[in-house]
């Protein structure tokens, strides 16, 4: 996928953008880049077998992690532990962009389950 193309939309409103490893034949870890349009949300979902670290690159919003609601903006990092529901809403006036770094945890299979609203 070239740098100018768009990727798939996940969890209701997170558009996965391309990322390219420039000096590794095999990616040494999972990193994804996402963009959430103004007013859009990343639906609540939960994972097994992994933690995620969301690094906010631009924009602002509110992240839900379990019962917590956390206002985020450029430069913030949010941890989403395994088995804890999480989602995000873009509350700003520009697209919210973030990197998602994935850390496998334990021996459990990695799964994702959407949580009905």
PDB file of N, CA and C in Angstrom:
ATOM      1  N   UNK A   1       0.846  -1.163   0.000  1.00  0.00           N
ATOM      2  CA  UNK A   1       0.000   0.000   0.000  1.00  0.00           C
ATOM      3  C   UNK A   1       0.897   1.232   0.000  1.00  0.00           C
ATOM      4  N   UNK A   2       0.671   2.143  -0.886  1.00  0.00           N
ATOM      5  CA  UNK A   2       1.522   3.330  -0.950  1.00  0.00           C
ATOM      6  C   UNK A   2       1.106   4.333   0.109  1.00  0.00           C
ATOM      7  N   UNK A   3       1.979   5.284   0.373  1.00  0.00           N
ATOM      8  CA  UNK A   3       1.742   6.250   1.447  1.00  0.00           C
ATOM      9  C   UNK A   3       0.515   7.116   1.191  1.00  0.00           C
ATOM     10  N   UNK A   4       0.074   7.254  -0.054  1.00  0.00           N
ATOM     11  CA  UNK A   4      -1.055   8.115  -0.349  1.00  0.00           C
ATOM     12  C   UNK A   4      -2.401   7.420  -0.295  1.00  0.00           C
ATOM     13  N   UNK A   5      -2.439   6.125  -0.127  1.00  0.00           N
ATOM     14  CA  UNK A   5      -3.718   5.428  -0.126  1.00  0.00           C
ATOM     15  C   UNK A   5      -4.257   5.308   1.293  1.00  0.00           C
ATOM     16  N   UNK A   6      -5.559   5.096   1.373  1.00  0.00           N
ATOM     17  CA  UNK A   6      -6.179   4.915   2.672  1.00  0.00           C
ATOM     18  C   UNK A   6      -6.424   3.442   2.900  1.00  0.00           C
ATOM     19  N   UNK A   7      -6.570   3.079   4.145  1.00  0.00           N
ATOM     20  CA  UNK A   7      -6.754   1.680   4.495  1.00  0.00           C
ATOM     21  C   UNK A   7      -8.171   1.402   4.940  1.00  0.00           C
ATOM     22  N   UNK A   8      -8.313   0.348   5.693  1.00  0.00           N
ATOM     23  CA  UNK A   8      -9.625  -0.078   6.143  1.00  0.00           C
ATOM     24  C   UNK A   8     -10.090   0.729   7.342  1.00  0.00           C
ATOM     25  N   UNK A   9     -11.409   0.761   7.529  1.00  0.00           N
ATOM     26  CA  UNK A   9     -11.994   1.429   8.691  1.00  0.00           C
ATOM     27  C   UNK A   9     -12.302   0.356   9.722  1.00  0.00           C
ATOM     28  N   UNK A  10     -11.835   0.578  10.957  1.00  0.00           N
ATOM     29  CA  UNK A  10     -12.007  -0.373  12.044  1.00  0.00           C
ATOM     30  C   UNK A  10     -12.756   0.265  13.202  1.00  0.00           C
ATOM     31  N   UNK A  11     -13.490  -0.543  13.936  1.00  0.00           N
ATOM     32  CA  UNK A  11     -14.165  -0.116  15.162  1.00  0.00           C
ATOM     33  C   UNK A  11     -15.035   1.110  14.937  1.00  0.00           C
ATOM     34  N   UNK A  12     -15.713   1.160  13.826  1.00  0.00           N
ATOM     35  CA  UNK A  12     -16.680   2.216  13.570  1.00  0.00           C
ATOM     36  C   UNK A  12     -16.141   3.455  12.903  1.00  0.00           C
ATOM     37  N   UNK A  13     -14.981   3.967  13.311  1.00  0.00           N
ATOM     38  CA  UNK A  13     -14.529   5.221  12.745  1.00  0.00           C
ATOM     39  C   UNK A  13     -13.033   5.433  12.699  1.00  0.00           C
ATOM     40  N   UNK A  14     -12.245   4.411  12.959  1.00  0.00           N
ATOM     41  CA  UNK A  14     -10.790   4.557  12.913  1.00  0.00           C
ATOM     42  C   UNK A  14     -10.294   4.083  11.556  1.00  0.00           C
ATOM     43  N   UNK A  15      -9.806   5.004  10.769  1.00  0.00           N
ATOM     44  CA  UNK A  15      -9.283   4.633   9.452  1.00  0.00           C
ATOM     45  C   UNK A  15      -7.807   4.300   9.573  1.00  0.00           C
ATOM     46  N   UNK A  16      -7.474   3.032   9.295  1.00  0.00           N
ATOM     47  CA  UNK A  16      -6.071   2.601   9.371  1.00  0.00           C
ATOM     48  C   UNK A  16      -5.339   3.184   8.164  1.00  0.00           C
ATOM     49  N   UNK A  17      -4.242   3.854   8.460  1.00  0.00           N
ATOM     50  CA  UNK A  17      -3.398   4.449   7.427  1.00  0.00           C
ATOM     51  C   UNK A  17      -2.181   3.567   7.215  1.00  0.00           C
ATOM     52  N   UNK A  18      -1.591   3.641   6.038  1.00  0.00           N
ATOM     53  CA  UNK A  18      -0.412   2.805   5.772  1.00  0.00           C
ATOM     54  C   UNK A  18       0.782   3.199   6.636  1.00  0.00           C
ATOM     55  N   UNK A  19       1.577   2.218   6.927  1.00  0.00           N
ATOM     56  CA  UNK A  19       2.850   2.429   7.612  1.00  0.00           C
ATOM     57  C   UNK A  19       3.856   1.528   6.907  1.00  0.00           C
ATOM     58  N   UNK A  20       5.083   1.999   6.787  1.00  0.00           N
ATOM     59  CA  UNK A  20       6.078   1.261   6.005  1.00  0.00           C
ATOM     60  C   UNK A  20       7.363   1.140   6.801  1.00  0.00           C
ATOM     61  N   UNK A  21       7.791  -0.086   7.011  1.00  0.00           N
ATOM     62  CA  UNK A  21       9.096  -0.331   7.620  1.00  0.00           C
ATOM     63  C   UNK A  21      10.127  -0.178   6.506  1.00  0.00           C
ATOM     64  N   UNK A  22      11.078   0.728   6.656  1.00  0.00           N
ATOM     65  CA  UNK A  22      12.005   1.019   5.560  1.00  0.00           C
ATOM     66  C   UNK A  22      13.313   0.248   5.629  1.00  0.00           C
ATOM     67  N   UNK A  23      13.617  -0.381   6.758  1.00  0.00           N
ATOM     68  CA  UNK A  23      14.885  -1.121   6.827  1.00  0.00           C
ATOM     69  C   UNK A  23      14.730  -2.475   7.518  1.00  0.00           C
ATOM     70  N   UNK A  24      13.519  -3.030   7.465  1.00  0.00           N
ATOM     71  CA  UNK A  24      13.289  -4.357   8.053  1.00  0.00           C
ATOM     72  C   UNK A  24      12.434  -5.167   7.084  1.00  0.00           C
ATOM     73  N   UNK A  25      12.912  -6.343   6.714  1.00  0.00           N
ATOM     74  CA  UNK A  25      12.138  -7.214   5.830  1.00  0.00           C
ATOM     75  C   UNK A  25      10.898  -7.746   6.525  1.00  0.00           C
ATOM     76  N   UNK A  26      11.024  -8.011   7.814  1.00  0.00           N
ATOM     77  CA  UNK A  26       9.904  -8.478   8.627  1.00  0.00           C
ATOM     78  C   UNK A  26       9.715  -7.474   9.757  1.00  0.00           C
ATOM     79  N   UNK A  27       8.499  -6.996   9.915  1.00  0.00           N
ATOM     80  CA  UNK A  27       8.231  -6.016  10.968  1.00  0.00           C
ATOM     81  C   UNK A  27       8.580  -6.596  12.337  1.00  0.00           C
ATOM     82  N   UNK A  28       9.410  -5.907  13.118  1.00  0.00           N
ATOM     83  CA  UNK A  28       9.806  -6.422  14.433  1.00  0.00           C
ATOM     84  C   UNK A  28       8.714  -6.275  15.495  1.00  0.00           C
ATOM     85  N   UNK A  29       7.696  -5.483  15.222  1.00  0.00           N
ATOM     86  CA  UNK A  29       6.562  -5.327  16.142  1.00  0.00           C
ATOM     87  C   UNK A  29       5.378  -4.798  15.347  1.00  0.00           C
ATOM     88  N   UNK A  30       4.207  -4.810  15.959  1.00  0.00           N
ATOM     89  CA  UNK A  30       3.013  -4.310  15.289  1.00  0.00           C
ATOM     90  C   UNK A  30       2.784  -2.858  15.670  1.00  0.00           C
ATOM     91  N   UNK A  31       2.806  -2.003  14.663  1.00  0.00           N
ATOM     92  CA  UNK A  31       2.473  -0.592  14.823  1.00  0.00           C
ATOM     93  C   UNK A  31       1.461  -0.262  13.737  1.00  0.00           C
ATOM     94  N   UNK A  32       0.385   0.396  14.119  1.00  0.00           N
ATOM     95  CA  UNK A  32      -0.605   0.851  13.147  1.00  0.00           C
ATOM     96  C   UNK A  32      -0.800   2.345  13.328  1.00  0.00           C
ATOM     97  N   UNK A  33      -1.152   3.004  12.240  1.00  0.00           N
ATOM     98  CA  UNK A  33      -1.418   4.447  12.263  1.00  0.00           C
ATOM     99  C   UNK A  33      -2.889   4.643  11.932  1.00  0.00           C
ATOM    100  N   UNK A  34      -3.575   5.450  12.732  1.00  0.00           N
ATOM    101  CA  UNK A  34      -5.007   5.656  12.544  1.00  0.00           C
ATOM    102  C   UNK A  34      -5.351   7.134  12.467  1.00  0.00           C
ATOM    103  N   UNK A  35      -6.451   7.414  11.786  1.00  0.00           N
ATOM    104  CA  UNK A  35      -7.017   8.753  11.726  1.00  0.00           C
ATOM    105  C   UNK A  35      -8.511   8.633  12.023  1.00  0.00           C
ATOM    106  N   UNK A  36      -8.999   9.480  12.931  1.00  0.00           N
ATOM    107  CA  UNK A  36     -10.413   9.509  13.291  1.00  0.00           C
ATOM    108  C   UNK A  36     -10.936  10.897  12.922  1.00  0.00           C
ATOM    109  N   UNK A  37     -11.889  10.948  12.016  1.00  0.00           N
ATOM    110  CA  UNK A  37     -12.422  12.226  11.529  1.00  0.00           C
ATOM    111  C   UNK A  37     -13.144  12.978  12.641  1.00  0.00           C
ATOM    112  N   UNK A  38     -13.305  14.277  12.435  1.00  0.00           N
ATOM    113  CA  UNK A  38     -14.006  15.133  13.388  1.00  0.00           C
ATOM    114  C   UNK A  38     -15.399  14.554  13.647  1.00  0.00           C
ATOM    115  N   UNK A  39     -15.739  14.403  14.929  1.00  0.00           N
ATOM    116  CA  UNK A  39     -17.050  13.903  15.318  1.00  0.00           C
ATOM    117  C   UNK A  39     -17.201  12.395  15.276  1.00  0.00           C
ATOM    118  N   UNK A  40     -16.224  11.674  14.751  1.00  0.00           N
ATOM    119  CA  UNK A  40     -16.307  10.212  14.657  1.00  0.00           C
ATOM    120  C   UNK A  40     -15.814   9.565  15.946  1.00  0.00           C
ATOM    121  N   UNK A  41     -16.139   8.284  16.093  1.00  0.00           N
ATOM    122  CA  UNK A  41     -15.725   7.548  17.274  1.00  0.00           C
ATOM    123  C   UNK A  41     -15.082   6.225  16.895  1.00  0.00           C
ATOM    124  N   UNK A  42     -14.261   5.728  17.790  1.00  0.00           N
ATOM    125  CA  UNK A  42     -13.756   4.357  17.748  1.00  0.00           C
ATOM    126  C   UNK A  42     -14.635   3.618  18.749  1.00  0.00           C
ATOM    127  N   UNK A  43     -15.433   2.685  18.266  1.00  0.00           N
ATOM    128  CA  UNK A  43     -16.393   2.006  19.135  1.00  0.00           C
ATOM    129  C   UNK A  43     -15.690   1.252  20.252  1.00  0.00           C
ATOM    130  N   UNK A  44     -16.425   1.054  21.331  1.00  0.00           N
ATOM    131  CA  UNK A  44     -15.885   0.300  22.463  1.00  0.00           C
ATOM    132  C   UNK A  44     -15.623  -1.136  22.027  1.00  0.00           C
ATOM    133  N   UNK A  45     -14.448  -1.632  22.390  1.00  0.00           N
ATOM    134  CA  UNK A  45     -14.054  -3.001  22.065  1.00  0.00           C
ATOM    135  C   UNK A  45     -13.067  -3.474  23.116  1.00  0.00           C
ATOM    136  N   UNK A  46     -12.798  -4.764  23.120  1.00  0.00           N
ATOM    137  CA  UNK A  46     -11.913  -5.347  24.125  1.00  0.00           C
ATOM    138  C   UNK A  46     -11.031  -6.393  23.453  1.00  0.00           C
ATOM    139  N   UNK A  47      -9.803  -6.525  23.951  1.00  0.00           N
ATOM    140  CA  UNK A  47      -8.851  -7.489  23.405  1.00  0.00           C
ATOM    141  C   UNK A  47      -8.448  -8.500  24.468  1.00  0.00           C
ATOM    142  N   UNK A  48      -8.080  -9.666  24.015  1.00  0.00           N
ATOM    143  CA  UNK A  48      -7.364 -10.611  24.856  1.00  0.00           C
ATOM    144  C   UNK A  48      -5.961 -10.733  24.280  1.00  0.00           C
ATOM    145  N   UNK A  49      -5.006 -11.082  25.116  1.00  0.00           N
ATOM    146  CA  UNK A  49      -3.667 -11.405  24.654  1.00  0.00           C
ATOM    147  C   UNK A  49      -2.774 -10.249  24.267  1.00  0.00           C
ATOM    148  N   UNK A  50      -3.236  -9.007  24.436  1.00  0.00           N
ATOM    149  CA  UNK A  50      -2.368  -7.875  24.082  1.00  0.00           C
ATOM    150  C   UNK A  50      -2.769  -6.623  24.834  1.00  0.00           C
ATOM    151  N   UNK A  51      -1.793  -5.754  25.026  1.00  0.00           N
ATOM    152  CA  UNK A  51      -2.012  -4.384  25.476  1.00  0.00           C
ATOM    153  C   UNK A  51      -1.726  -3.494  24.278  1.00  0.00           C
ATOM    154  N   UNK A  52      -2.361  -2.343  24.255  1.00  0.00           N
ATOM    155  CA  UNK A  52      -2.088  -1.367  23.202  1.00  0.00           C
ATOM    156  C   UNK A  52      -1.653  -0.062  23.847  1.00  0.00           C
ATOM    157  N   UNK A  53      -0.811   0.664  23.131  1.00  0.00           N
ATOM    158  CA  UNK A  53      -0.360   1.987  23.555  1.00  0.00           C
ATOM    159  C   UNK A  53      -0.711   2.944  22.431  1.00  0.00           C
ATOM    160  N   UNK A  54      -1.628   3.876  22.703  1.00  0.00           N
ATOM    161  CA  UNK A  54      -2.057   4.841  21.703  1.00  0.00           C
ATOM    162  C   UNK A  54      -1.271   6.127  21.916  1.00  0.00           C
ATOM    163  N   UNK A  55      -0.501   6.531  20.908  1.00  0.00           N
ATOM    164  CA  UNK A  55       0.305   7.749  20.948  1.00  0.00           C
ATOM    165  C   UNK A  55      -0.396   8.785  20.075  1.00  0.00           C
ATOM    166  N   UNK A  56      -0.945   9.827  20.692  1.00  0.00           N
ATOM    167  CA  UNK A  56      -1.697  10.842  19.952  1.00  0.00           C
ATOM    168  C   UNK A  56      -0.721  11.759  19.226  1.00  0.00           C
ATOM    169  N   UNK A  57      -0.858  11.809  17.905  1.00  0.00           N
ATOM    170  CA  UNK A  57       0.026  12.616  17.071  1.00  0.00           C
ATOM    171  C   UNK A  57      -0.566  13.982  16.743  1.00  0.00           C
ATOM    172  N   UNK A  58      -1.894  14.061  16.647  1.00  0.00           N
ATOM    173  CA  UNK A  58      -2.566  15.320  16.298  1.00  0.00           C
ATOM    174  C   UNK A  58      -4.021  15.234  16.735  1.00  0.00           C
ATOM    175  N   UNK A  59      -4.613  16.386  16.978  1.00  0.00           N
ATOM    176  CA  UNK A  59      -6.025  16.450  17.334  1.00  0.00           C
ATOM    177  C   UNK A  59      -6.257  16.268  18.816  1.00  0.00           C
ATOM    178  N   UNK A  60      -7.540  16.129  19.163  1.00  0.00           N
ATOM    179  CA  UNK A  60      -7.909  15.931  20.554  1.00  0.00           C
ATOM    180  C   UNK A  60      -9.196  15.130  20.629  1.00  0.00           C
ATOM    181  N   UNK A  61      -9.374  14.491  21.776  1.00  0.00           N
ATOM    182  CA  UNK A  61     -10.561  13.672  21.943  1.00  0.00           C
ATOM    183  C   UNK A  61     -10.688  13.182  23.363  1.00  0.00           C
ATOM    184  N   UNK A  62     -11.601  12.233  23.545  1.00  0.00           N
ATOM    185  CA  UNK A  62     -11.813  11.607  24.844  1.00  0.00           C
ATOM    186  C   UNK A  62     -11.688  10.106  24.649  1.00  0.00           C
ATOM    187  N   UNK A  63     -10.784   9.503  25.421  1.00  0.00           N
ATOM    188  CA  UNK A  63     -10.577   8.061  25.384  1.00  0.00           C
ATOM    189  C   UNK A  63     -11.302   7.445  26.573  1.00  0.00           C
ATOM    190  N   UNK A  64     -11.991   6.346  26.330  1.00  0.00           N
ATOM    191  CA  UNK A  64     -12.612   5.561  27.393  1.00  0.00           C
ATOM    192  C   UNK A  64     -11.777   4.308  27.591  1.00  0.00           C
ATOM    193  N   UNK A  65     -11.332   4.084  28.828  1.00  0.00           N
ATOM    194  CA  UNK A  65     -10.595   2.871  29.192  1.00  0.00           C
ATOM    195  C   UNK A  65     -11.269   2.344  30.451  1.00  0.00           C
ATOM    196  N   UNK A  66     -12.038   1.265  30.301  1.00  0.00           N
ATOM    197  CA  UNK A  66     -12.830   0.800  31.431  1.00  0.00           C
ATOM    198  C   UNK A  66     -13.810   1.888  31.826  1.00  0.00           C
ATOM    199  N   UNK A  67     -13.815   2.273  33.097  1.00  0.00           N
ATOM    200  CA  UNK A  67     -14.711   3.312  33.603  1.00  0.00           C
ATOM    201  C   UNK A  67     -14.111   4.717  33.476  1.00  0.00           C
ATOM    202  N   UNK A  68     -12.844   4.806  33.096  1.00  0.00           N
ATOM    203  CA  UNK A  68     -12.175   6.111  32.983  1.00  0.00           C
ATOM    204  C   UNK A  68     -12.538   6.817  31.679  1.00  0.00           C
ATOM    205  N   UNK A  69     -12.670   8.135  31.739  1.00  0.00           N
ATOM    206  CA  UNK A  69     -12.798   8.995  30.560  1.00  0.00           C
ATOM    207  C   UNK A  69     -11.642   9.973  30.641  1.00  0.00           C
ATOM    208  N   UNK A  70     -10.794   9.973  29.606  1.00  0.00           N
ATOM    209  CA  UNK A  70      -9.553  10.737  29.660  1.00  0.00           C
ATOM    210  C   UNK A  70      -9.474  11.659  28.449  1.00  0.00           C
ATOM    211  N   UNK A  71      -9.367  12.962  28.688  1.00  0.00           N
ATOM    212  CA  UNK A  71      -9.167  13.916  27.599  1.00  0.00           C
ATOM    213  C   UNK A  71      -7.734  13.771  27.087  1.00  0.00           C
ATOM    214  N   UNK A  72      -7.568  13.679  25.773  1.00  0.00           N
ATOM    215  CA  UNK A  72      -6.237  13.512  25.186  1.00  0.00           C
ATOM    216  C   UNK A  72      -6.015  14.525  24.079  1.00  0.00           C
ATOM    217  N   UNK A  73      -4.724  14.792  23.854  1.00  0.00           N
ATOM    218  CA  UNK A  73      -4.315  15.694  22.767  1.00  0.00           C
ATOM    219  C   UNK A  73      -2.919  15.284  22.325  1.00  0.00           C
ATOM    220  N   UNK A  74      -2.393  15.970  21.338  1.00  0.00           N
ATOM    221  CA  UNK A  74      -1.068  15.670  20.790  1.00  0.00           C
ATOM    222  C   UNK A  74      -0.041  15.484  21.899  1.00  0.00           C
ATOM    223  N   UNK A  75       0.724  14.389  21.794  1.00  0.00           N
ATOM    224  CA  UNK A  75       1.786  14.112  22.756  1.00  0.00           C
ATOM    225  C   UNK A  75       1.378  13.193  23.887  1.00  0.00           C
ATOM    226  N   UNK A  76       0.084  12.915  24.017  1.00  0.00           N
ATOM    227  CA  UNK A  76      -0.384  12.026  25.087  1.00  0.00           C
ATOM    228  C   UNK A  76      -0.270  10.564  24.660  1.00  0.00           C
ATOM    229  N   UNK A  77      -0.088   9.685  25.647  1.00  0.00           N
ATOM    230  CA  UNK A  77      -0.044   8.239  25.422  1.00  0.00           C
ATOM    231  C   UNK A  77      -1.038   7.588  26.374  1.00  0.00           C
ATOM    232  N   UNK A  78      -1.849   6.687  25.835  1.00  0.00           N
ATOM    233  CA  UNK A  78      -2.856   5.969  26.616  1.00  0.00           C
ATOM    234  C   UNK A  78      -2.557   4.476  26.544  1.00  0.00           C
ATOM    235  N   UNK A  79      -2.652   3.782  27.678  1.00  0.00           N
ATOM    236  CA  UNK A  79      -2.485   2.323  27.730  1.00  0.00           C
ATOM    237  C   UNK A  79      -3.869   1.691  27.767  1.00  0.00           C
ATOM    238  N   UNK A  80      -4.084   0.700  26.902  1.00  0.00           N
ATOM    239  CA  UNK A  80      -5.323  -0.074  26.944  1.00  0.00           C
ATOM    240  C   UNK A  80      -4.933  -1.515  27.286  1.00  0.00           C
ATOM    241  N   UNK A  81      -5.095  -1.917  28.551  1.00  0.00           N
ATOM    242  CA  UNK A  81      -4.696  -3.264  28.977  1.00  0.00           C
ATOM    243  C   UNK A  81      -5.607  -4.345  28.381  1.00  0.00           C
ATOM    244  N   UNK A  82      -5.129  -5.581  28.345  1.00  0.00           N
ATOM    245  CA  UNK A  82      -5.995  -6.663  27.886  1.00  0.00           C
ATOM    246  C   UNK A  82      -7.207  -6.806  28.812  1.00  0.00           C
ATOM    247  N   UNK A  83      -8.320  -7.217  28.238  1.00  0.00           N
ATOM    248  CA  UNK A  83      -9.577  -7.477  28.947  1.00  0.00           C
ATOM    249  C   UNK A  83     -10.272  -6.224  29.473  1.00  0.00           C
ATOM    250  N   UNK A  84      -9.782  -5.028  29.115  1.00  0.00           N
ATOM    251  CA  UNK A  84     -10.405  -3.775  29.541  1.00  0.00           C
ATOM    252  C   UNK A  84     -11.014  -3.096  28.315  1.00  0.00           C
ATOM    253  N   UNK A  85     -12.340  -2.891  28.292  1.00  0.00           N
ATOM    254  CA  UNK A  85     -12.973  -2.226  27.146  1.00  0.00           C
ATOM    255  C   UNK A  85     -12.406  -0.822  26.945  1.00  0.00           C
ATOM    256  N   UNK A  86     -12.270  -0.429  25.683  1.00  0.00           N
ATOM    257  CA  UNK A  86     -11.737   0.892  25.380  1.00  0.00           C
ATOM    258  C   UNK A  86     -12.289   1.396  24.049  1.00  0.00           C
ATOM    259  N   UNK A  87     -12.300   2.715  23.902  1.00  0.00           N
ATOM    260  CA  UNK A  87     -12.777   3.378  22.694  1.00  0.00           C
ATOM    261  C   UNK A  87     -12.334   4.826  22.719  1.00  0.00           C
ATOM    262  N   UNK A  88     -12.746   5.589  21.709  1.00  0.00           N
ATOM    263  CA  UNK A  88     -12.274   6.962  21.594  1.00  0.00           C
ATOM    264  C   UNK A  88     -13.282   7.788  20.822  1.00  0.00           C
ATOM    265  N   UNK A  89     -13.417   9.050  21.181  1.00  0.00           N
ATOM    266  CA  UNK A  89     -14.240   9.987  20.416  1.00  0.00           C
ATOM    267  C   UNK A  89     -13.401  11.203  20.073  1.00  0.00           C
ATOM    268  N   UNK A  90     -13.440  11.603  18.803  1.00  0.00           N
ATOM    269  CA  UNK A  90     -12.766  12.832  18.389  1.00  0.00           C
ATOM    270  C   UNK A  90     -13.691  13.985  18.766  1.00  0.00           C
ATOM    271  N   UNK A  91     -13.272  14.794  19.724  1.00  0.00           N
ATOM    272  CA  UNK A  91     -14.065  15.936  20.183  1.00  0.00           C
ATOM    273  C   UNK A  91     -13.504  17.258  19.674  1.00  0.00           C
ATOM    274  N   UNK A  92     -12.456  17.186  18.866  1.00  0.00           N
ATOM    275  CA  UNK A  92     -11.796  18.399  18.396  1.00  0.00           C
ATOM    276  C   UNK A  92     -12.326  18.892  17.065  1.00  0.00           C
ATOM    277  N   UNK A  93     -11.618  19.867  16.512  1.00  0.00           N
ATOM    278  CA  UNK A  93     -12.015  20.491  15.249  1.00  0.00           C
ATOM    279  C   UNK A  93     -11.125  20.062  14.086  1.00  0.00           C
ATOM    280  N   UNK A  94     -10.276  19.064  14.318  1.00  0.00           N
ATOM    281  CA  UNK A  94      -9.420  18.522  13.263  1.00  0.00           C
ATOM    282  C   UNK A  94      -9.334  17.007  13.437  1.00  0.00           C
ATOM    283  N   UNK A  95      -8.905  16.294  12.406  1.00  0.00           N
ATOM    284  CA  UNK A  95      -8.766  14.843  12.547  1.00  0.00           C
ATOM    285  C   UNK A  95      -7.833  14.498  13.704  1.00  0.00           C
ATOM    286  N   UNK A  96      -8.184  13.437  14.414  1.00  0.00           N
ATOM    287  CA  UNK A  96      -7.348  12.933  15.502  1.00  0.00           C
ATOM    288  C   UNK A  96      -6.521  11.790  14.924  1.00  0.00           C
ATOM    289  N   UNK A  97      -5.204  11.901  15.011  1.00  0.00           N
ATOM    290  CA  UNK A  97      -4.307  10.879  14.487  1.00  0.00           C
ATOM    291  C   UNK A  97      -3.530  10.259  15.636  1.00  0.00           C
ATOM    292  N   UNK A  98      -3.384   8.921  15.579  1.00  0.00           N
ATOM    293  CA  UNK A  98      -2.614   8.255  16.618  1.00  0.00           C
ATOM    294  C   UNK A  98      -1.932   7.011  16.081  1.00  0.00           C
ATOM    295  N   UNK A  99      -0.831   6.667  16.738  1.00  0.00           N
ATOM    296  CA  UNK A  99      -0.159   5.396  16.489  1.00  0.00           C
ATOM    297  C   UNK A  99      -0.650   4.401  17.524  1.00  0.00           C
ATOM    298  N   UNK A 100      -0.793   3.156  17.117  1.00  0.00           N
ATOM    299  CA  UNK A 100      -1.182   2.071  18.005  1.00  0.00           C
ATOM    300  C   UNK A 100      -0.031   1.073  18.041  1.00  0.00           C
ATOM    301  N   UNK A 101       0.645   0.989  19.183  1.00  0.00           N
ATOM    302  CA  UNK A 101       1.743   0.034  19.364  1.00  0.00           C
ATOM    303  C   UNK A 101       1.192  -1.152  20.157  1.00  0.00           C
ATOM    304  N   UNK A 102       1.418  -2.352  19.654  1.00  0.00           N
ATOM    305  CA  UNK A 102       0.837  -3.558  20.246  1.00  0.00           C
ATOM    306  C   UNK A 102       1.905  -4.351  20.980  1.00  0.00           C
ATOM    307  N   UNK A 103       1.570  -4.757  22.220  1.00  0.00           N
ATOM    308  CA  UNK A 103       2.454  -5.594  23.027  1.00  0.00           C
ATOM    309  C   UNK A 103       1.714  -6.878  23.387  1.00  0.00           C
ATOM    310  N   UNK A 104       2.123  -8.031  22.818  1.00  0.00           N
ATOM    311  CA  UNK A 104       1.504  -9.294  23.244  1.00  0.00           C
ATOM    312  C   UNK A 104       1.723  -9.499  24.744  1.00  0.00           C
ATOM    313  N   UNK A 105       0.691 -10.037  25.416  1.00  0.00           N
ATOM    314  CA  UNK A 105       0.744 -10.266  26.859  1.00  0.00           C
ATOM    315  C   UNK A 105       0.373 -11.724  27.129  1.00  0.00           C
ATOM    316  N   UNK A 106       1.241 -12.443  27.811  1.00  0.00           N
ATOM    317  CA  UNK A 106       0.938 -13.814  28.201  1.00  0.00           C
ATOM    318  C   UNK A 106       0.816 -14.757  27.015  1.00  0.00           C
ATOM    319  N   UNK A 107       0.144 -15.885  27.286  1.00  0.00           N
ATOM    320  CA  UNK A 107      -0.001 -16.934  26.275  1.00  0.00           C
ATOM    321  C   UNK A 107      -1.369 -16.941  25.615  1.00  0.00           C
ATOM    322  N   UNK A 108      -2.268 -16.049  26.015  1.00  0.00           N
ATOM    323  CA  UNK A 108      -3.618 -16.036  25.454  1.00  0.00           C
ATOM    324  C   UNK A 108      -3.579 -15.636  23.982  1.00  0.00           C
ATOM    325  N   UNK A 109      -4.478 -16.224  23.225  1.00  0.00           N
ATOM    326  CA  UNK A 109      -4.627 -15.838  21.825  1.00  0.00           C
ATOM    327  C   UNK A 109      -5.046 -14.374  21.766  1.00  0.00           C
ATOM    328  N   UNK A 110      -4.630 -13.673  20.726  1.00  0.00           N
ATOM    329  CA  UNK A 110      -5.030 -12.279  20.543  1.00  0.00           C
ATOM    330  C   UNK A 110      -6.367 -12.270  19.830  1.00  0.00           C
ATOM    331  N   UNK A 111      -7.363 -11.690  20.509  1.00  0.00           N
ATOM    332  CA  UNK A 111      -8.701 -11.562  19.927  1.00  0.00           C
ATOM    333  C   UNK A 111      -9.213 -10.160  20.147  1.00  0.00           C
ATOM    334  N   UNK A 112     -10.213  -9.782  19.365  1.00  0.00           N
ATOM    335  CA  UNK A 112     -10.877  -8.502  19.516  1.00  0.00           C
ATOM    336  C   UNK A 112     -12.382  -8.740  19.478  1.00  0.00           C
ATOM    337  N   UNK A 113     -13.100  -8.140  20.427  1.00  0.00           N
ATOM    338  CA  UNK A 113     -14.541  -8.261  20.472  1.00  0.00           C
ATOM    339  C   UNK A 113     -15.148  -6.873  20.550  1.00  0.00           C
ATOM    340  N   UNK A 114     -16.058  -6.558  19.618  1.00  0.00           N
ATOM    341  CA  UNK A 114     -16.795  -5.291  19.657  1.00  0.00           C
ATOM    342  C   UNK A 114     -17.821  -5.360  20.783  1.00  0.00           C
ATOM    343  N   UNK A 115     -18.046  -4.244  21.457  1.00  0.00           N
ATOM    344  CA  UNK A 115     -19.030  -4.174  22.534  1.00  0.00           C
ATOM    345  C   UNK A 115     -20.228  -3.390  22.006  1.00  0.00           C
ATOM    346  N   UNK A 116     -21.384  -4.009  22.049  1.00  0.00           N
ATOM    347  CA  UNK A 116     -22.593  -3.364  21.534  1.00  0.00           C
ATOM    348  C   UNK A 116     -22.888  -2.094  22.346  1.00  0.00           C
ATOM    349  N   UNK A 117     -23.312  -1.044  21.648  1.00  0.00           N
ATOM    350  CA  UNK A 117     -23.621   0.215  22.363  1.00  0.00           C
ATOM    351  C   UNK A 117     -24.812   0.083  23.280  1.00  0.00           C
TER     352      UNK A 117
END
